[in-house]
Amino acid sequence: MKSLTRMLALVMSVMLLCSGIAIAAAEEKTYDFGGMTVSMCNWWGWDLTPGLSDQNDRLIERIAETEAKFNVKIEMRKGPEEYYDNMVATIMAGEPYGDMMWAYPWDFPGWMKAGAAYDLTEIIEETGIDLSRYSPIAIGVGEYDGHYYGLNKEMPDVNSMVAFNKPLLEEAGLESPYDLIAKGEWSFAKLQEYAKVLTKVDANGVTTQYGFSAYDPYGTLANTFIYANNAAIVENADGKPVFALDSANALEAMTVLYDMANVDKSIFLYDVGADWATSTNMFVAGDIAMMNAPTWVIECFNAWNMEDDFGLVPFPMGPQATSFVDDTDYQAIYFVPSCVDKERATAAVLVYDALFSDLYPELTQEERYENKFMRYCRDEESIAFMGDLYYNRGEAPVCPDKYGMDRDVLRKITQDILDGVNTPAAAVAEQKPAVQATMDEASAK
């Protein structure tokens, strides 16, 4: 009897499972766009020559699969030289360069407010596009008043790793940052301590080795410290952008930066206007022990044949933080021109979603990390840390460009702090009224 009961239960389970599959299949929407040509367009285009790389070949295959799935013809277009200058004019004239367009975050707000971007909210809901699979940073750039005008399926590159010269840390008797992370001790305090120990001065008072720097100290360090201490440059207060560098967390972060530069004198600063590669070359040569660097700068370490071994870790946590974060607060997006009809807009969104879905679905997480970051890294720890920051981003910060903030203001604040011209509080207070007025004006349009 028990055997029969178990058999009936198994049959019922199979029936329910099959029923569920049938329902899911019935609910899956299919689309046929009757051979419509759908074009993806950016300024530089795509090189779809077979054999360039495995990834490129997979994209070619994906294009063919997507054409068959939706009965469309896909064109991957290159925009003209006047792409950025004439975007609004061409769209408003009903002659867009493509059906899915590329926009930088500093260009898009103006294009959107001029009426050049299609409101994708209804299409996203009707097609069931899963926005959790899209970059939250790009979603933040393209969302206005609860409506979606732009998105990007790819995550932005990791922007704020700390590279460290392994031999220099070992010679100084310092514990590896990998071990510090394992113990929960990779913090602002440790970064400051290490940078001070690793800074060397000769008998004449000349610094022969610096503990810390960045590829562009004046342009990057303040925002990196701010985000790493659970603070923001701009906050969204009931729909209104607020310049937030005078918050307690932000000022605390910038004070550490001020002390490292002016008290410890452990940060290498090069003259404004000098070659961008100045500090990068010094790190490669072993004259800087630790360096805050984005992915493209990390690539230079190997390309320029750095002899010393190096490791990569996330930027350390500030006292108010509970997790490691990347400092990326902006990303380019794709949008649909407002002049197209709903059918074409729907086709463009579905084609984009299919084309830029994962090209390597068969990979495990570890394989995925290695596939993407092995060429930058020299050890497994570095690969894992870069992969975690890339794939597992938390809540996206507010994009300052979205509200018309001039990033040169942040550079001026950072320069005053690093050069000791002003304390963090004074530097921010000097700039805040004008910045807030500009953002109020931009958000009111």
Protein backbone atom coordinates (compact mmCIF):
# COMPACT_ATOMS: atom_id res chain seq x y z
CA MET A 1 0.00 0.00 0.00
CA LYS A 2 2.82 2.37 0.91
CA SER A 3 4.46 1.55 -2.39
CA LEU A 4 1.28 2.44 -4.29
CA THR A 5 0.94 5.69 -2.35
CA ARG A 6 4.52 6.65 -3.21
CA MET A 7 3.87 5.78 -6.87
CA LEU A 8 0.75 7.97 -6.98
CA ALA A 9 2.63 10.81 -5.34
CA LEU A 10 5.39 10.49 -7.95
CA VAL A 11 2.88 10.47 -10.81
CA MET A 12 1.16 13.57 -9.39
CA SER A 13 4.51 15.32 -9.01
CA VAL A 14 5.43 14.58 -12.62
CA MET A 15 2.01 15.78 -13.80
CA LEU A 16 2.34 19.01 -11.83
CA LEU A 17 5.86 19.52 -13.14
CA CYS A 18 4.80 18.97 -16.73
CA SER A 19 1.81 21.24 -16.18
CA GLY A 20 4.12 23.94 -14.85
CA ILE A 21 6.39 23.61 -17.86
CA ALA A 22 3.40 23.85 -20.19
CA ILE A 23 2.12 26.96 -18.42
CA ALA A 24 5.56 28.56 -18.53
CA ALA A 25 5.85 27.75 -22.22
CA ALA A 26 2.39 29.17 -22.85
CA GLU A 27 3.26 32.37 -21.02
CA GLU A 28 6.49 32.91 -22.95
CA LYS A 29 5.81 35.59 -25.51
CA THR A 30 6.90 35.18 -29.10
CA TYR A 31 7.47 38.00 -31.56
CA ASP A 32 7.57 38.16 -35.34
CA PHE A 33 8.60 41.51 -36.80
CA GLY A 34 8.10 40.48 -40.42
CA GLY A 35 11.67 40.84 -41.61
CA MET A 36 12.12 44.37 -40.18
CA THR A 37 15.67 45.74 -40.25
CA VAL A 38 16.75 46.69 -36.72
CA SER A 39 19.98 48.66 -36.29
CA MET A 40 22.31 48.98 -33.32
CA CYS A 41 24.40 52.14 -33.62
CA ASN A 42 27.28 53.78 -31.77
CA TRP A 43 30.00 56.19 -32.82
CA TRP A 44 32.73 53.61 -33.52
CA GLY A 45 30.79 50.58 -34.81
CA TRP A 46 31.59 46.86 -34.53
CA ASP A 47 34.17 44.78 -36.40
CA LEU A 48 32.35 41.52 -37.16
CA THR A 49 35.15 39.86 -39.10
CA PRO A 50 35.03 36.12 -38.29
CA GLY A 51 38.04 34.77 -36.45
CA LEU A 52 39.07 37.94 -34.61
CA SER A 53 38.33 36.35 -31.24
CA ASP A 54 36.15 33.69 -29.70
CA GLN A 55 33.95 36.40 -28.19
CA ASN A 56 33.51 38.08 -31.55
CA ASP A 57 32.60 34.77 -33.21
CA ARG A 58 30.03 34.14 -30.49
CA LEU A 59 28.51 37.57 -31.10
CA ILE A 60 28.24 36.76 -34.83
CA GLU A 61 26.42 33.54 -33.95
CA ARG A 62 24.16 35.41 -31.51
CA ILE A 63 23.22 37.89 -34.21
CA ALA A 64 22.11 35.04 -36.49
CA GLU A 65 20.15 33.38 -33.68
CA THR A 66 18.41 36.65 -32.78
CA GLU A 67 17.52 37.36 -36.41
CA ALA A 68 15.83 33.96 -36.61
CA LYS A 69 14.13 34.30 -33.23
CA PHE A 70 12.40 37.61 -34.01
CA ASN A 71 12.33 37.48 -37.83
CA VAL A 72 14.46 40.59 -38.19
CA LYS A 73 17.56 41.68 -40.07
CA ILE A 74 20.16 43.16 -37.70
CA GLU A 75 22.58 45.89 -38.71
CA MET A 76 25.51 46.89 -36.47
CA ARG A 77 26.19 50.44 -37.58
CA LYS A 78 28.90 53.03 -37.06
CA GLY A 79 27.68 56.56 -36.48
CA PRO A 80 29.02 59.52 -38.50
CA GLU A 81 31.60 62.03 -37.29
CA GLU A 82 28.83 64.43 -36.22
CA TYR A 83 27.14 61.69 -34.15
CA TYR A 84 27.31 63.56 -30.83
CA ASP A 85 26.70 67.05 -32.23
CA ASN A 86 23.66 66.24 -34.39
CA MET A 87 21.93 63.57 -32.32
CA VAL A 88 18.90 65.61 -31.27
CA ALA A 89 18.50 67.28 -34.65
CA THR A 90 18.47 64.02 -36.58
CA ILE A 91 16.00 62.38 -34.21
CA MET A 92 13.61 65.33 -34.16
CA ALA A 93 13.75 65.34 -37.97
CA GLY A 94 12.71 61.67 -37.97
CA GLU A 95 16.03 60.51 -39.39
CA PRO A 96 17.88 58.75 -36.52
CA TYR A 97 21.22 57.05 -37.11
CA GLY A 98 19.84 53.80 -35.74
CA ASP A 99 17.09 52.12 -33.71
CA MET A 100 19.18 51.63 -30.57
CA MET A 101 21.67 54.42 -29.93
CA TRP A 102 24.69 54.91 -27.65
CA ALA A 103 24.99 57.89 -25.29
CA TYR A 104 27.55 59.06 -22.76
CA PRO A 105 26.03 60.01 -19.38
CA TRP A 106 27.05 63.66 -19.78
CA ASP A 107 25.30 63.90 -23.18
CA PHE A 108 22.16 61.91 -22.43
CA PRO A 109 20.38 64.24 -19.95
CA GLY A 110 20.28 67.01 -22.54
CA TRP A 111 19.11 64.67 -25.29
CA MET A 112 16.42 63.20 -23.08
CA LYS A 113 15.13 66.62 -21.96
CA ALA A 114 15.06 67.73 -25.60
CA GLY A 115 12.61 64.88 -26.27
CA ALA A 116 14.99 62.67 -28.25
CA ALA A 117 14.65 59.48 -26.15
CA TYR A 118 11.74 57.02 -26.23
CA ASP A 119 10.08 56.21 -22.89
CA LEU A 120 10.78 52.47 -22.63
CA THR A 121 8.82 51.84 -19.41
CA GLU A 122 5.72 50.32 -21.02
CA ILE A 123 7.75 48.19 -23.43
CA ILE A 124 9.90 46.84 -20.59
CA GLU A 125 6.76 45.86 -18.68
CA GLU A 126 5.00 44.30 -21.68
CA THR A 127 7.98 42.27 -22.88
CA GLY A 128 9.04 41.16 -19.41
CA ILE A 129 12.59 42.48 -19.76
CA ASP A 130 14.44 41.59 -16.54
CA LEU A 131 16.18 44.77 -15.38
CA SER A 132 17.95 42.88 -12.60
CA ARG A 133 20.20 41.55 -15.36
CA TYR A 134 21.17 45.08 -16.40
CA SER A 135 23.78 47.41 -14.93
CA PRO A 136 22.24 49.31 -11.99
CA ILE A 137 24.60 52.20 -12.70
CA ALA A 138 23.32 52.57 -16.26
CA ILE A 139 19.73 52.20 -15.07
CA GLY A 140 20.38 55.09 -12.70
CA VAL A 141 21.67 57.25 -15.56
CA GLY A 142 18.71 56.47 -17.82
CA GLU A 143 15.84 56.67 -15.30
CA TYR A 144 13.87 59.90 -14.80
CA ASP A 145 10.79 60.31 -12.62
CA GLY A 146 10.25 56.56 -12.46
CA HIS A 147 10.44 56.12 -16.23
CA TYR A 148 13.18 54.29 -18.13
CA TYR A 149 14.78 56.01 -21.11
CA GLY A 150 18.17 54.30 -21.24
CA LEU A 151 19.93 51.12 -20.13
CA ASN A 152 23.03 49.00 -20.56
CA LYS A 153 23.33 45.26 -20.10
CA GLU A 154 27.09 45.26 -19.58
CA MET A 155 28.63 46.24 -16.26
CA PRO A 156 31.18 49.07 -16.33
CA ASP A 157 34.83 48.19 -15.83
CA VAL A 158 36.13 48.04 -12.28
CA ASN A 159 37.46 51.50 -11.52
CA SER A 160 39.05 51.53 -8.05
CA MET A 161 41.32 48.58 -7.33
CA VAL A 162 44.46 49.09 -5.26
CA ALA A 163 47.54 47.55 -6.85
CA PHE A 164 50.40 46.78 -4.47
CA ASN A 165 54.03 45.90 -5.11
CA LYS A 166 54.53 42.56 -3.33
CA PRO A 167 58.35 42.74 -2.90
CA LEU A 168 58.20 46.28 -1.45
CA LEU A 169 55.60 45.27 1.14
CA GLU A 170 57.58 42.14 2.03
CA GLU A 171 60.82 44.14 2.44
CA ALA A 172 58.99 46.50 4.79
CA GLY A 173 57.73 43.57 6.85
CA LEU A 174 54.10 44.36 6.10
CA GLU A 175 51.37 41.75 6.05
CA SER A 176 49.78 41.07 2.67
CA PRO A 177 46.53 42.97 2.02
CA TYR A 178 45.07 39.57 1.10
CA ASP A 179 45.54 38.46 4.71
CA LEU A 180 44.18 41.75 6.00
CA ILE A 181 41.01 41.27 3.96
CA ALA A 182 40.63 37.73 5.32
CA LYS A 183 40.80 39.16 8.86
CA GLY A 184 38.50 42.10 8.12
CA GLU A 185 41.30 44.63 8.62
CA TRP A 186 41.74 46.21 5.17
CA SER A 187 40.66 49.72 6.19
CA PHE A 188 41.46 53.40 5.71
CA ALA A 189 43.65 53.17 8.82
CA LYS A 190 45.69 50.31 7.34
CA LEU A 191 46.06 52.07 4.00
CA GLN A 192 47.31 55.19 5.76
CA GLU A 193 49.66 53.16 7.98
CA TYR A 194 51.08 51.19 5.05
CA ALA A 195 51.52 54.26 2.86
CA LYS A 196 53.44 56.03 5.62
CA VAL A 197 55.74 53.04 6.26
CA LEU A 198 56.35 52.58 2.53
CA THR A 199 57.35 56.20 1.95
CA LYS A 200 61.13 56.65 2.00
CA VAL A 201 63.08 59.91 2.32
CA ASP A 202 66.84 60.24 1.81
CA ALA A 203 69.32 62.23 3.92
CA ASN A 204 68.64 65.34 1.85
CA GLY A 205 64.91 65.21 2.49
CA VAL A 206 64.09 63.96 -1.00
CA THR A 207 61.36 61.33 -1.24
CA THR A 208 62.77 58.34 -3.09
CA GLN A 209 59.74 56.07 -2.74
CA TYR A 210 56.08 56.94 -2.19
CA GLY A 211 53.61 54.75 -0.37
CA PHE A 212 50.55 55.57 -2.42
CA SER A 213 49.23 57.36 -5.50
CA ALA A 214 46.73 57.10 -8.36
CA TYR A 215 46.96 57.45 -12.12
CA ASP A 216 45.21 60.83 -11.72
CA PRO A 217 45.31 61.83 -8.03
CA TYR A 218 43.51 65.16 -8.42
CA GLY A 219 40.82 63.65 -10.61
CA THR A 220 40.06 60.41 -8.80
CA LEU A 221 41.13 60.13 -5.17
CA ALA A 222 38.49 62.22 -3.41
CA ASN A 223 35.50 60.42 -4.93
CA THR A 224 37.15 57.03 -4.33
CA PHE A 225 37.61 57.78 -0.62
CA ILE A 226 34.09 59.25 -0.37
CA TYR A 227 32.28 56.23 -1.82
CA ALA A 228 34.46 53.86 0.23
CA ASN A 229 33.19 55.51 3.43
CA ASN A 230 29.49 55.03 2.67
CA ALA A 231 29.10 58.61 1.47
CA ALA A 232 28.04 60.25 -1.79
CA ILE A 233 28.88 63.19 -4.00
CA VAL A 234 25.24 63.81 -4.86
CA GLU A 235 22.21 62.50 -2.97
CA ASN A 236 18.64 62.31 -4.19
CA ALA A 237 16.43 63.94 -1.56
CA ASP A 238 12.75 63.50 -2.49
CA GLY A 239 13.58 63.78 -6.16
CA LYS A 240 15.87 66.79 -5.70
CA PRO A 241 19.65 66.44 -6.23
CA VAL A 242 21.67 67.66 -3.25
CA PHE A 243 25.43 68.28 -3.29
CA ALA A 244 26.43 66.06 -0.37
CA LEU A 245 30.18 66.48 0.16
CA ASP A 246 29.56 68.27 3.45
CA SER A 247 28.04 65.14 5.04
CA ALA A 248 29.88 63.73 8.06
CA ASN A 249 30.90 60.58 6.19
CA ALA A 250 32.24 62.48 3.18
CA LEU A 251 34.23 64.92 5.29
CA GLU A 252 35.64 62.05 7.36
CA ALA A 253 36.86 60.35 4.17
CA MET A 254 38.41 63.51 2.76
CA THR A 255 40.14 64.24 6.07
CA VAL A 256 42.04 60.94 5.80
CA LEU A 257 43.08 61.97 2.28
CA TYR A 258 44.15 65.40 3.57
CA ASP A 259 46.27 63.85 6.33
CA MET A 260 47.97 61.36 4.02
CA ALA A 261 48.95 64.12 1.59
CA ASN A 262 49.87 66.92 3.98
CA VAL A 263 50.83 65.32 7.30
CA ASP A 264 52.26 61.94 6.26
CA LYS A 265 53.30 63.20 2.82
CA SER A 266 52.89 59.64 1.58
CA ILE A 267 50.94 60.36 -1.65
CA PHE A 268 52.80 61.10 -4.86
CA LEU A 269 51.26 64.09 -6.67
CA TYR A 270 52.38 65.16 -10.09
CA ASP A 271 51.91 68.58 -11.61
CA VAL A 272 48.57 69.28 -13.24
CA GLY A 273 49.02 68.90 -16.99
CA ALA A 274 51.87 66.38 -16.71
CA ASP A 275 51.82 63.16 -18.70
CA TRP A 276 48.94 60.97 -17.48
CA ALA A 277 51.31 57.99 -17.24
CA THR A 278 53.65 59.64 -14.73
CA SER A 279 52.52 57.77 -11.61
CA THR A 280 51.80 54.59 -13.57
CA ASN A 281 55.38 54.50 -14.83
CA MET A 282 56.63 55.07 -11.28
CA PHE A 283 54.56 52.16 -9.97
CA VAL A 284 55.88 49.91 -12.74
CA ALA A 285 59.44 50.98 -11.83
CA GLY A 286 58.93 50.30 -8.11
CA ASP A 287 59.02 53.96 -7.03
CA ILE A 288 55.41 53.85 -5.77
CA ALA A 289 54.38 50.93 -3.55
CA MET A 290 50.58 51.07 -3.81
CA MET A 291 48.41 52.62 -6.49
CA ASN A 292 44.69 53.19 -6.94
CA ALA A 293 43.94 52.18 -10.52
CA PRO A 294 41.08 51.40 -12.92
CA THR A 295 41.08 48.32 -15.15
CA TRP A 296 42.66 50.03 -18.16
CA VAL A 297 45.61 51.28 -16.08
CA ILE A 298 46.11 47.83 -14.52
CA GLU A 299 46.43 46.50 -18.06
CA CYS A 300 49.45 48.79 -18.52
CA PHE A 301 51.41 47.05 -15.74
CA ASN A 302 51.76 43.88 -17.80
CA ALA A 303 51.91 45.64 -21.16
CA TRP A 304 54.85 47.71 -19.88
CA ASN A 305 56.61 44.61 -18.51
CA MET A 306 56.53 45.38 -14.80
CA GLU A 307 59.26 43.23 -13.26
CA ASP A 308 58.09 43.20 -9.64
CA ASP A 309 55.13 41.02 -8.81
CA PHE A 310 51.95 42.85 -7.90
CA GLY A 311 48.59 42.03 -6.36
CA LEU A 312 45.17 43.66 -6.60
CA VAL A 313 42.63 44.32 -3.85
CA PRO A 314 39.48 46.43 -3.55
CA PHE A 315 39.85 49.95 -2.18
CA PRO A 316 39.80 49.64 1.62
CA MET A 317 36.67 50.26 3.67
CA GLY A 318 36.23 53.51 5.55
CA PRO A 319 35.03 53.56 9.19
CA GLN A 320 31.39 53.95 8.12
CA ALA A 321 31.40 51.23 5.45
CA THR A 322 30.32 47.60 5.74
CA SER A 323 31.48 46.31 2.36
CA PHE A 324 33.99 46.97 -0.40
CA VAL A 325 32.66 49.12 -3.25
CA ASP A 326 33.80 50.36 -6.61
CA ASP A 327 33.69 54.12 -7.13
CA THR A 328 31.98 54.01 -10.55
CA ASP A 329 29.01 56.39 -10.54
CA TYR A 330 28.44 56.83 -14.27
CA GLN A 331 28.12 54.69 -17.37
CA ALA A 332 27.15 55.10 -20.98
CA ILE A 333 23.70 53.83 -21.97
CA TYR A 334 21.72 52.71 -25.01
CA PHE A 335 18.42 54.39 -25.85
CA VAL A 336 15.76 54.25 -28.55
CA PRO A 337 15.09 57.42 -30.59
CA SER A 338 11.74 58.99 -29.77
CA CYS A 339 10.75 59.32 -33.43
CA VAL A 340 10.25 55.58 -34.03
CA ASP A 341 6.88 53.84 -33.60
CA LYS A 342 6.15 51.40 -30.80
CA GLU A 343 6.62 48.27 -32.90
CA ARG A 344 10.12 49.34 -33.94
CA ALA A 345 10.96 50.44 -30.40
CA THR A 346 9.83 47.05 -29.09
CA ALA A 347 11.94 45.25 -31.68
CA ALA A 348 14.97 47.37 -30.80
CA VAL A 349 14.65 46.60 -27.07
CA LEU A 350 14.15 42.86 -27.60
CA VAL A 351 17.02 42.61 -30.08
CA TYR A 352 19.34 44.52 -27.76
CA ASP A 353 18.34 42.31 -24.81
CA ALA A 354 19.04 39.14 -26.80
CA LEU A 355 22.27 40.30 -28.43
CA PHE A 356 23.93 41.43 -25.25
CA SER A 357 22.90 38.55 -23.03
CA ASP A 358 25.73 36.41 -21.65
CA LEU A 359 27.85 34.98 -24.46
CA TYR A 360 29.36 32.37 -22.12
CA PRO A 361 26.42 30.78 -20.26
CA GLU A 362 28.27 27.50 -19.80
CA LEU A 363 30.97 28.96 -17.54
CA THR A 364 31.05 28.57 -13.77
CA GLN A 365 31.57 31.69 -11.66
CA GLU A 366 35.25 30.89 -11.24
CA GLU A 367 35.67 30.32 -14.98
CA ARG A 368 33.77 33.51 -15.72
CA TYR A 369 36.10 35.52 -13.47
CA GLU A 370 39.20 33.97 -15.05
CA ASN A 371 37.90 34.42 -18.59
CA LYS A 372 37.40 38.15 -18.06
CA PHE A 373 40.23 39.16 -15.71
CA MET A 374 43.12 36.70 -16.17
CA ARG A 375 44.95 38.98 -18.60
CA TYR A 376 45.12 41.77 -16.01
CA CYS A 377 46.13 39.70 -12.99
CA ARG A 378 49.07 37.66 -11.74
CA ASP A 379 47.36 35.57 -9.09
CA GLU A 380 44.01 33.96 -8.27
CA GLU A 381 43.27 36.40 -5.44
CA SER A 382 43.39 39.38 -7.80
CA ILE A 383 41.08 37.66 -10.27
CA ALA A 384 38.55 36.88 -7.52
CA PHE A 385 38.53 40.43 -6.13
CA MET A 386 38.11 42.03 -9.57
CA GLY A 387 35.36 39.55 -10.41
CA ASP A 388 33.47 40.26 -7.19
CA LEU A 389 33.54 44.02 -7.75
CA TYR A 390 32.50 43.63 -11.39
CA TYR A 391 29.67 41.12 -11.06
CA ASN A 392 28.32 41.80 -7.57
CA ARG A 393 27.72 45.53 -7.48
CA GLY A 394 25.42 46.87 -4.85
CA GLU A 395 23.15 49.89 -5.01
CA ALA A 396 24.30 52.37 -7.62
CA PRO A 397 25.33 55.86 -6.45
CA VAL A 398 23.61 58.91 -7.90
CA CYS A 399 25.33 59.98 -11.12
CA PRO A 400 26.46 63.64 -10.74
CA ASP A 401 26.46 64.13 -14.52
CA LYS A 402 22.74 63.37 -14.58
CA TYR A 403 22.08 66.60 -12.69
CA GLY A 404 24.49 68.85 -14.53
CA MET A 405 27.31 68.80 -11.98
CA ASP A 406 30.65 69.88 -13.43
CA ARG A 407 33.27 67.30 -12.42
CA ASP A 408 35.93 70.00 -12.64
CA VAL A 409 34.48 71.28 -9.37
CA LEU A 410 35.28 67.97 -7.68
CA ARG A 411 38.79 68.15 -9.15
CA LYS A 412 39.21 71.66 -7.70
CA ILE A 413 38.07 70.47 -4.27
CA THR A 414 40.42 67.48 -4.44
CA GLN A 415 43.33 69.64 -5.54
CA ASP A 416 42.80 72.10 -2.68
CA ILE A 417 42.73 69.20 -0.21
CA LEU A 418 45.77 67.37 -1.58
CA ASP A 419 47.81 70.57 -1.92
CA GLY A 420 46.85 71.71 1.59
CA VAL A 421 45.25 74.90 0.33
CA ASN A 422 42.02 74.23 2.25
CA THR A 423 40.67 71.78 4.78
CA PRO A 424 38.00 69.47 3.37
CA ALA A 425 35.21 71.41 5.08
CA ALA A 426 36.46 74.76 3.76
CA ALA A 427 37.06 73.42 0.23
CA VAL A 428 33.52 72.04 0.03
CA ALA A 429 31.88 75.11 1.58
CA GLU A 430 33.58 77.31 -1.01
CA GLN A 431 32.13 75.37 -3.94
CA LYS A 432 28.75 74.15 -2.68
CA PRO A 433 26.52 77.22 -3.36
CA ALA A 434 27.44 77.42 -7.05
CA VAL A 435 27.26 73.64 -7.54
CA GLN A 436 23.86 73.39 -5.87
CA ALA A 437 22.50 76.29 -7.92
CA THR A 438 23.66 74.62 -11.14
CA MET A 439 22.05 71.32 -10.17
CA ASP A 440 18.80 73.06 -9.16
CA GLU A 441 18.66 74.75 -12.54
CA ALA A 442 19.44 71.53 -14.45
CA SER A 443 16.86 69.46 -12.57
CA ALA A 444 14.15 72.11 -13.05
CA LYS A 445 14.32 71.91 -16.86
